[in-house]
Amino acid sequence: MTKLRYCERVDTRFPVIFAGEAYVGEGTVLNVSVPGCAIHSRERVQPGSYLEMRILVPDAPSPLRVGLAKVRWCEGRQFGVEFIQMPGEDQVRLGQLVKKEVPLVLPPRSNAWQEAHS
């Protein structure tokens, strides 16, 4: 079953450094959106735990800083986080990154939709 998302996710391969209450880990951001991201890492995290993160975006002068993120799900070596606190300038940079990477072409409408609205 496909999960419907209210926000587009952009495929990435950005290095990330994160810290939990009792550990520091590193991994790769697999995809990102304004409210969160998916990460692949050797470090095991628990759903419901909180992290601080630095996402290293290529060609950017500084990493995207996430002051507080909550781990929402874990599957093997992958986990998803929701961004809770980010400095304002990093929120703006994230929004620009996602907008720049999302294709602006809409998918074609089906024939059934066209016939119903003709």
PDB file of N, CA and C in Angstrom:
ATOM      1  N   MET A   1       0.843  -1.177   0.000  1.00  0.00           N
ATOM      2  CA  MET A   1       0.000   0.000   0.000  1.00  0.00           C
ATOM      3  C   MET A   1       0.894   1.248   0.000  1.00  0.00           C
ATOM      4  N   THR A   2       0.593   2.195  -0.851  1.00  0.00           N
ATOM      5  CA  THR A   2       1.361   3.422  -0.951  1.00  0.00           C
ATOM      6  C   THR A   2       0.827   4.446   0.027  1.00  0.00           C
ATOM      7  N   LYS A   3       1.741   5.041   0.786  1.00  0.00           N
ATOM      8  CA  LYS A   3       1.340   6.093   1.708  1.00  0.00           C
ATOM      9  C   LYS A   3       1.195   7.398   0.935  1.00  0.00           C
ATOM     10  N   LEU A   4       0.104   8.102   1.178  1.00  0.00           N
ATOM     11  CA  LEU A   4      -0.075   9.411   0.566  1.00  0.00           C
ATOM     12  C   LEU A   4       0.622  10.446   1.432  1.00  0.00           C
ATOM     13  N   ARG A   5       1.365  11.329   0.813  1.00  0.00           N
ATOM     14  CA  ARG A   5       2.095  12.358   1.540  1.00  0.00           C
ATOM     15  C   ARG A   5       1.544  13.711   1.165  1.00  0.00           C
ATOM     16  N   TYR A   6       1.515  14.607   2.132  1.00  0.00           N
ATOM     17  CA  TYR A   6       1.033  15.946   1.852  1.00  0.00           C
ATOM     18  C   TYR A   6       2.145  16.846   1.345  1.00  0.00           C
ATOM     19  N   CYS A   7       3.366  16.342   1.348  1.00  0.00           N
ATOM     20  CA  CYS A   7       4.505  17.151   0.931  1.00  0.00           C
ATOM     21  C   CYS A   7       5.444  16.295   0.084  1.00  0.00           C
ATOM     22  N   GLU A   8       5.898  16.839  -1.029  1.00  0.00           N
ATOM     23  CA  GLU A   8       6.791  16.121  -1.933  1.00  0.00           C
ATOM     24  C   GLU A   8       8.121  15.796  -1.257  1.00  0.00           C
ATOM     25  N   ARG A   9       8.609  14.586  -1.478  1.00  0.00           N
ATOM     26  CA  ARG A   9       9.936  14.197  -0.999  1.00  0.00           C
ATOM     27  C   ARG A   9      10.879  14.176  -2.185  1.00  0.00           C
ATOM     28  N   VAL A  10      12.096  14.652  -1.959  1.00  0.00           N
ATOM     29  CA  VAL A  10      13.110  14.732  -2.998  1.00  0.00           C
ATOM     30  C   VAL A  10      14.198  13.711  -2.690  1.00  0.00           C
ATOM     31  N   ASP A  11      14.526  12.853  -3.663  1.00  0.00           N
ATOM     32  CA  ASP A  11      15.606  11.881  -3.475  1.00  0.00           C
ATOM     33  C   ASP A  11      16.942  12.608  -3.367  1.00  0.00           C
ATOM     34  N   THR A  12      17.740  12.200  -2.400  1.00  0.00           N
ATOM     35  CA  THR A  12      19.046  12.823  -2.162  1.00  0.00           C
ATOM     36  C   THR A  12      20.045  11.747  -1.767  1.00  0.00           C
ATOM     37  N   ARG A  13      21.258  12.135  -1.624  1.00  0.00           N
ATOM     38  CA  ARG A  13      22.319  11.293  -1.045  1.00  0.00           C
ATOM     39  C   ARG A  13      23.232  12.227  -0.271  1.00  0.00           C
ATOM     40  N   PHE A  14      22.687  12.918   0.724  1.00  0.00           N
ATOM     41  CA  PHE A  14      23.441  13.892   1.509  1.00  0.00           C
ATOM     42  C   PHE A  14      23.999  13.239   2.775  1.00  0.00           C
ATOM     43  N   PRO A  15      25.265  13.461   3.092  1.00  0.00           N
ATOM     44  CA  PRO A  15      25.791  12.980   4.375  1.00  0.00           C
ATOM     45  C   PRO A  15      25.087  13.703   5.534  1.00  0.00           C
ATOM     46  N   VAL A  16      24.906  12.997   6.633  1.00  0.00           N
ATOM     47  CA  VAL A  16      24.277  13.584   7.816  1.00  0.00           C
ATOM     48  C   VAL A  16      25.013  13.100   9.059  1.00  0.00           C
ATOM     49  N   ILE A  17      25.120  13.987  10.029  1.00  0.00           N
ATOM     50  CA  ILE A  17      25.647  13.660  11.347  1.00  0.00           C
ATOM     51  C   ILE A  17      24.502  13.931  12.328  1.00  0.00           C
ATOM     52  N   PHE A  18      24.262  12.988  13.222  1.00  0.00           N
ATOM     53  CA  PHE A  18      23.163  13.176  14.176  1.00  0.00           C
ATOM     54  C   PHE A  18      23.607  12.719  15.555  1.00  0.00           C
ATOM     55  N   ALA A  19      22.959  13.286  16.559  1.00  0.00           N
ATOM     56  CA  ALA A  19      23.271  12.938  17.940  1.00  0.00           C
ATOM     57  C   ALA A  19      21.978  12.711  18.703  1.00  0.00           C
ATOM     58  N   GLY A  20      21.949  11.610  19.442  1.00  0.00           N
ATOM     59  CA  GLY A  20      20.844  11.323  20.334  1.00  0.00           C
ATOM     60  C   GLY A  20      21.301  11.551  21.767  1.00  0.00           C
ATOM     61  N   GLU A  21      20.502  11.109  22.691  1.00  0.00           N
ATOM     62  CA  GLU A  21      20.825  11.322  24.100  1.00  0.00           C
ATOM     63  C   GLU A  21      22.132  10.644  24.513  1.00  0.00           C
ATOM     64  N   ALA A  22      22.402   9.436  23.964  1.00  0.00           N
ATOM     65  CA  ALA A  22      23.579   8.694  24.411  1.00  0.00           C
ATOM     66  C   ALA A  22      24.487   8.256  23.261  1.00  0.00           C
ATOM     67  N   TYR A  23      24.351   8.851  22.090  1.00  0.00           N
ATOM     68  CA  TYR A  23      25.176   8.416  20.960  1.00  0.00           C
ATOM     69  C   TYR A  23      25.297   9.516  19.906  1.00  0.00           C
ATOM     70  N   VAL A  24      26.302   9.346  19.061  1.00  0.00           N
ATOM     71  CA  VAL A  24      26.489  10.177  17.872  1.00  0.00           C
ATOM     72  C   VAL A  24      26.580   9.212  16.707  1.00  0.00           C
ATOM     73  N   GLY A  25      25.909   9.539  15.599  1.00  0.00           N
ATOM     74  CA  GLY A  25      25.941   8.659  14.431  1.00  0.00           C
ATOM     75  C   GLY A  25      26.085   9.460  13.163  1.00  0.00           C
ATOM     76  N   GLU A  26      26.335   8.735  12.107  1.00  0.00           N
ATOM     77  CA  GLU A  26      26.381   9.369  10.793  1.00  0.00           C
ATOM     78  C   GLU A  26      25.669   8.465   9.812  1.00  0.00           C
ATOM     79  N   GLY A  27      25.257   9.053   8.703  1.00  0.00           N
ATOM     80  CA  GLY A  27      24.534   8.281   7.711  1.00  0.00           C
ATOM     81  C   GLY A  27      24.340   9.093   6.446  1.00  0.00           C
ATOM     82  N   THR A  28      23.342   8.681   5.687  1.00  0.00           N
ATOM     83  CA  THR A  28      23.020   9.320   4.417  1.00  0.00           C
ATOM     84  C   THR A  28      21.539   9.657   4.392  1.00  0.00           C
ATOM     85  N   VAL A  29      21.231  10.905   4.074  1.00  0.00           N
ATOM     86  CA  VAL A  29      19.828  11.309   3.890  1.00  0.00           C
ATOM     87  C   VAL A  29      19.405  10.777   2.531  1.00  0.00           C
ATOM     88  N   LEU A  30      18.418   9.888   2.518  1.00  0.00           N
ATOM     89  CA  LEU A  30      17.948   9.259   1.282  1.00  0.00           C
ATOM     90  C   LEU A  30      16.927  10.116   0.552  1.00  0.00           C
ATOM     91  N   ASN A  31      16.091  10.800   1.310  1.00  0.00           N
ATOM     92  CA  ASN A  31      15.137  11.735   0.727  1.00  0.00           C
ATOM     93  C   ASN A  31      14.784  12.767   1.772  1.00  0.00           C
ATOM     94  N   VAL A  32      14.346  13.922   1.292  1.00  0.00           N
ATOM     95  CA  VAL A  32      14.064  15.026   2.205  1.00  0.00           C
ATOM     96  C   VAL A  32      12.837  15.781   1.727  1.00  0.00           C
ATOM     97  N   SER A  33      12.104  16.314   2.668  1.00  0.00           N
ATOM     98  CA  SER A  33      10.983  17.209   2.398  1.00  0.00           C
ATOM     99  C   SER A  33      11.020  18.289   3.465  1.00  0.00           C
ATOM    100  N   VAL A  34      10.120  19.227   3.389  1.00  0.00           N
ATOM    101  CA  VAL A  34      10.110  20.298   4.392  1.00  0.00           C
ATOM    102  C   VAL A  34       9.858  19.747   5.800  1.00  0.00           C
ATOM    103  N   PRO A  35       8.936  18.799   5.977  1.00  0.00           N
ATOM    104  CA  PRO A  35       8.722  18.337   7.359  1.00  0.00           C
ATOM    105  C   PRO A  35       9.654  17.244   7.862  1.00  0.00           C
ATOM    106  N   GLY A  36      10.512  16.640   7.009  1.00  0.00           N
ATOM    107  CA  GLY A  36      11.354  15.580   7.527  1.00  0.00           C
ATOM    108  C   GLY A  36      12.201  14.915   6.467  1.00  0.00           C
ATOM    109  N   CYS A  37      12.817  13.776   6.856  1.00  0.00           N
ATOM    110  CA  CYS A  37      13.672  13.058   5.909  1.00  0.00           C
ATOM    111  C   CYS A  37      13.786  11.593   6.315  1.00  0.00           C
ATOM    112  N   ALA A  38      14.307  10.794   5.375  1.00  0.00           N
ATOM    113  CA  ALA A  38      14.630   9.392   5.635  1.00  0.00           C
ATOM    114  C   ALA A  38      16.147   9.260   5.602  1.00  0.00           C
ATOM    115  N   ILE A  39      16.674   8.450   6.512  1.00  0.00           N
ATOM    116  CA  ILE A  39      18.119   8.309   6.685  1.00  0.00           C
ATOM    117  C   ILE A  39      18.498   6.835   6.686  1.00  0.00           C
ATOM    118  N   HIS A  40      19.637   6.521   6.076  1.00  0.00           N
ATOM    119  CA  HIS A  40      20.241   5.199   6.175  1.00  0.00           C
ATOM    120  C   HIS A  40      21.483   5.346   7.046  1.00  0.00           C
ATOM    121  N   SER A  41      21.616   4.477   8.056  1.00  0.00           N
ATOM    122  CA  SER A  41      22.753   4.569   8.965  1.00  0.00           C
ATOM    123  C   SER A  41      23.030   3.223   9.613  1.00  0.00           C
ATOM    124  N   ARG A  42      24.283   3.032  10.026  1.00  0.00           N
ATOM    125  CA  ARG A  42      24.627   1.838  10.802  1.00  0.00           C
ATOM    126  C   ARG A  42      24.178   1.977  12.251  1.00  0.00           C
ATOM    127  N   GLU A  43      24.017   3.216  12.706  1.00  0.00           N
ATOM    128  CA  GLU A  43      23.581   3.471  14.090  1.00  0.00           C
ATOM    129  C   GLU A  43      22.104   3.092  14.229  1.00  0.00           C
ATOM    130  N   ARG A  44      21.800   2.331  15.244  1.00  0.00           N
ATOM    131  CA  ARG A  44      20.401   1.958  15.516  1.00  0.00           C
ATOM    132  C   ARG A  44      19.748   3.054  16.345  1.00  0.00           C
ATOM    133  N   VAL A  45      18.574   3.479  15.924  1.00  0.00           N
ATOM    134  CA  VAL A  45      17.810   4.478  16.674  1.00  0.00           C
ATOM    135  C   VAL A  45      16.447   3.888  17.011  1.00  0.00           C
ATOM    136  N   GLN A  46      15.789   4.479  17.960  1.00  0.00           N
ATOM    137  CA  GLN A  46      14.488   3.989  18.401  1.00  0.00           C
ATOM    138  C   GLN A  46      13.383   4.964  18.002  1.00  0.00           C
ATOM    139  N   PRO A  47      12.260   4.458  17.482  1.00  0.00           N
ATOM    140  CA  PRO A  47      11.130   5.351  17.222  1.00  0.00           C
ATOM    141  C   PRO A  47      10.742   6.083  18.495  1.00  0.00           C
ATOM    142  N   GLY A  48      10.452   7.360  18.357  1.00  0.00           N
ATOM    143  CA  GLY A  48      10.088   8.170  19.507  1.00  0.00           C
ATOM    144  C   GLY A  48      11.259   8.908  20.121  1.00  0.00           C
ATOM    145  N   SER A  49      12.500   8.538  19.735  1.00  0.00           N
ATOM    146  CA  SER A  49      13.657   9.237  20.290  1.00  0.00           C
ATOM    147  C   SER A  49      13.874  10.568  19.559  1.00  0.00           C
ATOM    148  N   TYR A  50      14.675  11.419  20.156  1.00  0.00           N
ATOM    149  CA  TYR A  50      14.938  12.750  19.606  1.00  0.00           C
ATOM    150  C   TYR A  50      16.404  12.879  19.206  1.00  0.00           C
ATOM    151  N   LEU A  51      16.637  13.610  18.121  1.00  0.00           N
ATOM    152  CA  LEU A  51      17.979  13.807  17.593  1.00  0.00           C
ATOM    153  C   LEU A  51      18.235  15.276  17.308  1.00  0.00           C
ATOM    154  N   GLU A  52      19.509  15.624  17.302  1.00  0.00           N
ATOM    155  CA  GLU A  52      19.989  16.880  16.739  1.00  0.00           C
ATOM    156  C   GLU A  52      20.745  16.470  15.482  1.00  0.00           C
ATOM    157  N   MET A  53      20.630  17.253  14.400  1.00  0.00           N
ATOM    158  CA  MET A  53      21.208  16.828  13.128  1.00  0.00           C
ATOM    159  C   MET A  53      21.917  17.960  12.398  1.00  0.00           C
ATOM    160  N   ARG A  54      22.884  17.571  11.568  1.00  0.00           N
ATOM    161  CA  ARG A  54      23.546  18.467  10.616  1.00  0.00           C
ATOM    162  C   ARG A  54      23.552  17.738   9.274  1.00  0.00           C
ATOM    163  N   ILE A  55      22.863  18.311   8.285  1.00  0.00           N
ATOM    164  CA  ILE A  55      22.781  17.721   6.954  1.00  0.00           C
ATOM    165  C   ILE A  55      23.756  18.469   6.051  1.00  0.00           C
ATOM    166  N   LEU A  56      24.693  17.735   5.461  1.00  0.00           N
ATOM    167  CA  LEU A  56      25.726  18.340   4.627  1.00  0.00           C
ATOM    168  C   LEU A  56      25.251  18.381   3.176  1.00  0.00           C
ATOM    169  N   VAL A  57      24.852  19.566   2.741  1.00  0.00           N
ATOM    170  CA  VAL A  57      24.330  19.759   1.388  1.00  0.00           C
ATOM    171  C   VAL A  57      25.485  20.170   0.479  1.00  0.00           C
ATOM    172  N   PRO A  58      25.706  19.444  -0.631  1.00  0.00           N
ATOM    173  CA  PRO A  58      26.794  19.807  -1.543  1.00  0.00           C
ATOM    174  C   PRO A  58      26.673  21.255  -2.024  1.00  0.00           C
ATOM    175  N   ASP A  59      27.798  21.905  -2.212  1.00  0.00           N
ATOM    176  CA  ASP A  59      27.873  23.280  -2.714  1.00  0.00           C
ATOM    177  C   ASP A  59      27.223  24.307  -1.789  1.00  0.00           C
ATOM    178  N   ALA A  60      26.955  23.943  -0.539  1.00  0.00           N
ATOM    179  CA  ALA A  60      26.395  24.893   0.428  1.00  0.00           C
ATOM    180  C   ALA A  60      27.518  25.320   1.372  1.00  0.00           C
ATOM    181  N   PRO A  61      27.522  26.573   1.797  1.00  0.00           N
ATOM    182  CA  PRO A  61      28.590  27.061   2.667  1.00  0.00           C
ATOM    183  C   PRO A  61      28.557  26.454   4.071  1.00  0.00           C
ATOM    184  N   SER A  62      27.389  25.999   4.503  1.00  0.00           N
ATOM    185  CA  SER A  62      27.270  25.411   5.839  1.00  0.00           C
ATOM    186  C   SER A  62      26.190  24.339   5.828  1.00  0.00           C
ATOM    187  N   PRO A  63      26.236  23.412   6.796  1.00  0.00           N
ATOM    188  CA  PRO A  63      25.213  22.360   6.836  1.00  0.00           C
ATOM    189  C   PRO A  63      23.849  22.920   7.238  1.00  0.00           C
ATOM    190  N   LEU A  64      22.796  22.188   6.854  1.00  0.00           N
ATOM    191  CA  LEU A  64      21.462  22.494   7.369  1.00  0.00           C
ATOM    192  C   LEU A  64      21.422  22.000   8.807  1.00  0.00           C
ATOM    193  N   ARG A  65      21.019  22.870   9.720  1.00  0.00           N
ATOM    194  CA  ARG A  65      20.981  22.517  11.142  1.00  0.00           C
ATOM    195  C   ARG A  65      19.551  22.201  11.559  1.00  0.00           C
ATOM    196  N   VAL A  66      19.385  21.051  12.159  1.00  0.00           N
ATOM    197  CA  VAL A  66      18.095  20.658  12.733  1.00  0.00           C
ATOM    198  C   VAL A  66      18.324  20.565  14.234  1.00  0.00           C
ATOM    199  N   GLY A  67      17.764  21.508  14.974  1.00  0.00           N
ATOM    200  CA  GLY A  67      17.966  21.533  16.413  1.00  0.00           C
ATOM    201  C   GLY A  67      17.291  20.388  17.141  1.00  0.00           C
ATOM    202  N   LEU A  68      16.131  19.963  16.608  1.00  0.00           N
ATOM    203  CA  LEU A  68      15.389  18.872  17.227  1.00  0.00           C
ATOM    204  C   LEU A  68      14.587  18.148  16.159  1.00  0.00           C
ATOM    205  N   ALA A  69      14.760  16.826  16.101  1.00  0.00           N
ATOM    206  CA  ALA A  69      14.009  15.969  15.180  1.00  0.00           C
ATOM    207  C   ALA A  69      13.527  14.754  15.961  1.00  0.00           C
ATOM    208  N   LYS A  70      12.353  14.264  15.614  1.00  0.00           N
ATOM    209  CA  LYS A  70      11.811  13.076  16.279  1.00  0.00           C
ATOM    210  C   LYS A  70      11.823  11.903  15.307  1.00  0.00           C
ATOM    211  N   VAL A  71      12.341  10.772  15.775  1.00  0.00           N
ATOM    212  CA  VAL A  71      12.347   9.557  14.963  1.00  0.00           C
ATOM    213  C   VAL A  71      10.920   9.014  14.933  1.00  0.00           C
ATOM    214  N   ARG A  72      10.360   8.923  13.726  1.00  0.00           N
ATOM    215  CA  ARG A  72       8.966   8.481  13.562  1.00  0.00           C
ATOM    216  C   ARG A  72       8.844   7.008  13.206  1.00  0.00           C
ATOM    217  N   TRP A  73       9.834   6.458  12.490  1.00  0.00           N
ATOM    218  CA  TRP A  73       9.784   5.040  12.115  1.00  0.00           C
ATOM    219  C   TRP A  73      11.197   4.511  11.897  1.00  0.00           C
ATOM    220  N   CYS A  74      11.346   3.191  12.021  1.00  0.00           N
ATOM    221  CA  CYS A  74      12.615   2.505  11.769  1.00  0.00           C
ATOM    222  C   CYS A  74      12.318   1.200  11.039  1.00  0.00           C
ATOM    223  N   GLU A  75      13.108   0.913  10.003  1.00  0.00           N
ATOM    224  CA  GLU A  75      13.027  -0.367   9.282  1.00  0.00           C
ATOM    225  C   GLU A  75      14.452  -0.782   8.938  1.00  0.00           C
ATOM    226  N   GLY A  76      14.988  -1.747   9.656  1.00  0.00           N
ATOM    227  CA  GLY A  76      16.365  -2.176   9.419  1.00  0.00           C
ATOM    228  C   GLY A  76      17.333  -1.038   9.688  1.00  0.00           C
ATOM    229  N   ARG A  77      18.097  -0.689   8.682  1.00  0.00           N
ATOM    230  CA  ARG A  77      19.104   0.376   8.806  1.00  0.00           C
ATOM    231  C   ARG A  77      18.572   1.738   8.369  1.00  0.00           C
ATOM    232  N   GLN A  78      17.282   1.832   8.109  1.00  0.00           N
ATOM    233  CA  GLN A  78      16.696   3.102   7.698  1.00  0.00           C
ATOM    234  C   GLN A  78      15.717   3.606   8.745  1.00  0.00           C
ATOM    235  N   PHE A  79      15.633   4.927   8.846  1.00  0.00           N
ATOM    236  CA  PHE A  79      14.655   5.523   9.750  1.00  0.00           C
ATOM    237  C   PHE A  79      14.210   6.876   9.213  1.00  0.00           C
ATOM    238  N   GLY A  80      13.050   7.290   9.650  1.00  0.00           N
ATOM    239  CA  GLY A  80      12.497   8.567   9.219  1.00  0.00           C
ATOM    240  C   GLY A  80      12.355   9.507  10.395  1.00  0.00           C
ATOM    241  N   VAL A  81      12.652  10.786  10.149  1.00  0.00           N
ATOM    242  CA  VAL A  81      12.527  11.781  11.216  1.00  0.00           C
ATOM    243  C   VAL A  81      11.620  12.914  10.772  1.00  0.00           C
ATOM    244  N   GLU A  82      10.989  13.508  11.755  1.00  0.00           N
ATOM    245  CA  GLU A  82      10.208  14.729  11.561  1.00  0.00           C
ATOM    246  C   GLU A  82      11.011  15.875  12.158  1.00  0.00           C
ATOM    247  N   PHE A  83      11.180  16.937  11.371  1.00  0.00           N
ATOM    248  CA  PHE A  83      11.884  18.111  11.871  1.00  0.00           C
ATOM    249  C   PHE A  83      10.953  18.881  12.799  1.00  0.00           C
ATOM    250  N   ILE A  84      11.407  19.156  14.011  1.00  0.00           N
ATOM    251  CA  ILE A  84      10.599  19.880  14.989  1.00  0.00           C
ATOM    252  C   ILE A  84      11.112  21.298  15.178  1.00  0.00           C
ATOM    253  N   GLN A  85      12.431  21.454  15.323  1.00  0.00           N
ATOM    254  CA  GLN A  85      13.013  22.785  15.490  1.00  0.00           C
ATOM    255  C   GLN A  85      14.186  22.965  14.526  1.00  0.00           C
ATOM    256  N   MET A  86      14.115  24.058  13.750  1.00  0.00           N
ATOM    257  CA  MET A  86      15.209  24.439  12.846  1.00  0.00           C
ATOM    258  C   MET A  86      15.335  25.944  12.889  1.00  0.00           C
ATOM    259  N   PRO A  87      16.565  26.462  12.843  1.00  0.00           N
ATOM    260  CA  PRO A  87      16.710  27.914  12.736  1.00  0.00           C
ATOM    261  C   PRO A  87      15.999  28.418  11.470  1.00  0.00           C
ATOM    262  N   GLY A  88      15.459  29.627  11.544  1.00  0.00           N
ATOM    263  CA  GLY A  88      14.690  30.187  10.436  1.00  0.00           C
ATOM    264  C   GLY A  88      15.415  30.182   9.109  1.00  0.00           C
ATOM    265  N   GLU A  89      16.704  30.561   9.115  1.00  0.00           N
ATOM    266  CA  GLU A  89      17.443  30.614   7.845  1.00  0.00           C
ATOM    267  C   GLU A  89      17.615  29.221   7.250  1.00  0.00           C
ATOM    268  N   ASP A  90      17.711  28.180   8.095  1.00  0.00           N
ATOM    269  CA  ASP A  90      17.831  26.818   7.591  1.00  0.00           C
ATOM    270  C   ASP A  90      16.485  26.301   7.072  1.00  0.00           C
ATOM    271  N   GLN A  91      15.388  26.740   7.676  1.00  0.00           N
ATOM    272  CA  GLN A  91      14.061  26.405   7.141  1.00  0.00           C
ATOM    273  C   GLN A  91      13.912  26.965   5.736  1.00  0.00           C
ATOM    274  N   VAL A  92      14.352  28.209   5.539  1.00  0.00           N
ATOM    275  CA  VAL A  92      14.274  28.843   4.222  1.00  0.00           C
ATOM    276  C   VAL A  92      15.138  28.078   3.225  1.00  0.00           C
ATOM    277  N   ARG A  93      16.367  27.748   3.619  1.00  0.00           N
ATOM    278  CA  ARG A  93      17.267  27.005   2.725  1.00  0.00           C
ATOM    279  C   ARG A  93      16.683  25.647   2.351  1.00  0.00           C
ATOM    280  N   LEU A  94      16.075  24.952   3.324  1.00  0.00           N
ATOM    281  CA  LEU A  94      15.460  23.658   3.054  1.00  0.00           C
ATOM    282  C   LEU A  94      14.313  23.813   2.063  1.00  0.00           C
ATOM    283  N   GLY A  95      13.473  24.816   2.264  1.00  0.00           N
ATOM    284  CA  GLY A  95      12.364  25.061   1.342  1.00  0.00           C
ATOM    285  C   GLY A  95      12.854  25.339  -0.067  1.00  0.00           C
ATOM    286  N   GLN A  96      13.911  26.110  -0.200  1.00  0.00           N
ATOM    287  CA  GLN A  96      14.480  26.410  -1.519  1.00  0.00           C
ATOM    288  C   GLN A  96      15.062  25.155  -2.157  1.00  0.00           C
ATOM    289  N   LEU A  97      15.731  24.334  -1.359  1.00  0.00           N
ATOM    290  CA  LEU A  97      16.318  23.097  -1.864  1.00  0.00           C
ATOM    291  C   LEU A  97      15.227  22.168  -2.402  1.00  0.00           C
ATOM    292  N   VAL A  98      14.173  21.972  -1.622  1.00  0.00           N
ATOM    293  CA  VAL A  98      13.095  21.072  -2.034  1.00  0.00           C
ATOM    294  C   VAL A  98      12.403  21.625  -3.276  1.00  0.00           C
ATOM    295  N   LYS A  99      12.131  22.919  -3.292  1.00  0.00           N
ATOM    296  CA  LYS A  99      11.448  23.532  -4.436  1.00  0.00           C
ATOM    297  C   LYS A  99      12.291  23.414  -5.701  1.00  0.00           C
ATOM    298  N   LYS A 100      13.603  23.615  -5.568  1.00  0.00           N
ATOM    299  CA  LYS A 100      14.514  23.552  -6.715  1.00  0.00           C
ATOM    300  C   LYS A 100      14.591  22.143  -7.286  1.00  0.00           C
ATOM    301  N   GLU A 101      14.550  21.138  -6.423  1.00  0.00           N
ATOM    302  CA  GLU A 101      14.730  19.753  -6.850  1.00  0.00           C
ATOM    303  C   GLU A 101      13.447  19.084  -7.335  1.00  0.00           C
ATOM    304  N   VAL A 102      12.279  19.621  -6.962  1.00  0.00           N
ATOM    305  CA  VAL A 102      11.012  18.999  -7.347  1.00  0.00           C
ATOM    306  C   VAL A 102      10.683  19.394  -8.777  1.00  0.00           C
ATOM    307  N   PRO A 103      10.421  18.430  -9.661  1.00  0.00           N
ATOM    308  CA  PRO A 103      10.069  18.782 -11.033  1.00  0.00           C
ATOM    309  C   PRO A 103       8.777  19.586 -11.067  1.00  0.00           C
ATOM    310  N   LEU A 104       8.746  20.580 -11.937  1.00  0.00           N
ATOM    311  CA  LEU A 104       7.570  21.445 -12.023  1.00  0.00           C
ATOM    312  C   LEU A 104       6.544  20.934 -13.023  1.00  0.00           C
ATOM    313  N   VAL A 105       6.809  19.805 -13.657  1.00  0.00           N
ATOM    314  CA  VAL A 105       5.882  19.242 -14.631  1.00  0.00           C
ATOM    315  C   VAL A 105       4.856  18.400 -13.887  1.00  0.00           C
ATOM    316  N   LEU A 106       3.591  18.657 -14.153  1.00  0.00           N
ATOM    317  CA  LEU A 106       2.532  17.873 -13.537  1.00  0.00           C
ATOM    318  C   LEU A 106       2.364  16.563 -14.294  1.00  0.00           C
ATOM    319  N   PRO A 107       1.991  15.483 -13.610  1.00  0.00           N
ATOM    320  CA  PRO A 107       1.762  14.227 -14.318  1.00  0.00           C
ATOM    321  C   PRO A 107       0.548  14.368 -15.233  1.00  0.00           C
ATOM    322  N   PRO A 108       0.537  13.656 -16.350  1.00  0.00           N
ATOM    323  CA  PRO A 108      -0.612  13.760 -17.253  1.00  0.00           C
ATOM    324  C   PRO A 108      -1.867  13.239 -16.575  1.00  0.00           C
ATOM    325  N   ARG A 109      -2.980  13.866 -16.895  1.00  0.00           N
ATOM    326  CA  ARG A 109      -4.262  13.423 -16.340  1.00  0.00           C
ATOM    327  C   ARG A 109      -4.758  12.215 -17.116  1.00  0.00           C
ATOM    328  N   SER A 110      -5.497  11.381 -16.435  1.00  0.00           N
ATOM    329  CA  SER A 110      -6.004  10.174 -17.083  1.00  0.00           C
ATOM    330  C   SER A 110      -7.140  10.534 -18.031  1.00  0.00           C
ATOM    331  N   ASN A 111      -7.432   9.625 -18.964  1.00  0.00           N
ATOM    332  CA  ASN A 111      -8.543   9.846 -19.900  1.00  0.00           C
ATOM    333  C   ASN A 111      -9.861   9.941 -19.155  1.00  0.00           C
ATOM    334  N   ALA A 112     -10.025   9.149 -18.092  1.00  0.00           N
ATOM    335  CA  ALA A 112     -11.274   9.173 -17.320  1.00  0.00           C
ATOM    336  C   ALA A 112     -11.495  10.565 -16.717  1.00  0.00           C
ATOM    337  N   TRP A 113     -10.437  11.187 -16.204  1.00  0.00           N
ATOM    338  CA  TRP A 113     -10.573  12.526 -15.639  1.00  0.00           C
ATOM    339  C   TRP A 113     -10.943  13.521 -16.720  1.00  0.00           C
ATOM    340  N   GLN A 114     -10.274  13.418 -17.901  1.00  0.00           N
ATOM    341  CA  GLN A 114     -10.551  14.352 -18.985  1.00  0.00           C
ATOM    342  C   GLN A 114     -11.978  14.221 -19.466  1.00  0.00           C
ATOM    343  N   GLU A 115     -12.491  12.965 -19.600  1.00  0.00           N
ATOM    344  CA  GLU A 115     -13.849  12.754 -20.054  1.00  0.00           C
ATOM    345  C   GLU A 115     -14.853  13.285 -19.044  1.00  0.00           C
ATOM    346  N   ALA A 116     -14.582  13.136 -17.768  1.00  0.00           N
ATOM    347  CA  ALA A 116     -15.494  13.603 -16.718  1.00  0.00           C
ATOM    348  C   ALA A 116     -15.545  15.113 -16.636  1.00  0.00           C
ATOM    349  N   HIS A 117     -14.474  15.790 -17.043  1.00  0.00           N
ATOM    350  CA  HIS A 117     -14.401  17.242 -16.912  1.00  0.00           C
ATOM    351  C   HIS A 117     -14.445  17.955 -18.262  1.00  0.00           C
ATOM    352  N   SER A 118     -14.903  17.282 -19.297  1.00  0.00           N
ATOM    353  CA  SER A 118     -14.995  17.906 -20.628  1.00  0.00           C
ATOM    354  C   SER A 118     -16.365  18.500 -20.841  1.00  0.00           C
TER     355      SER A 118
END
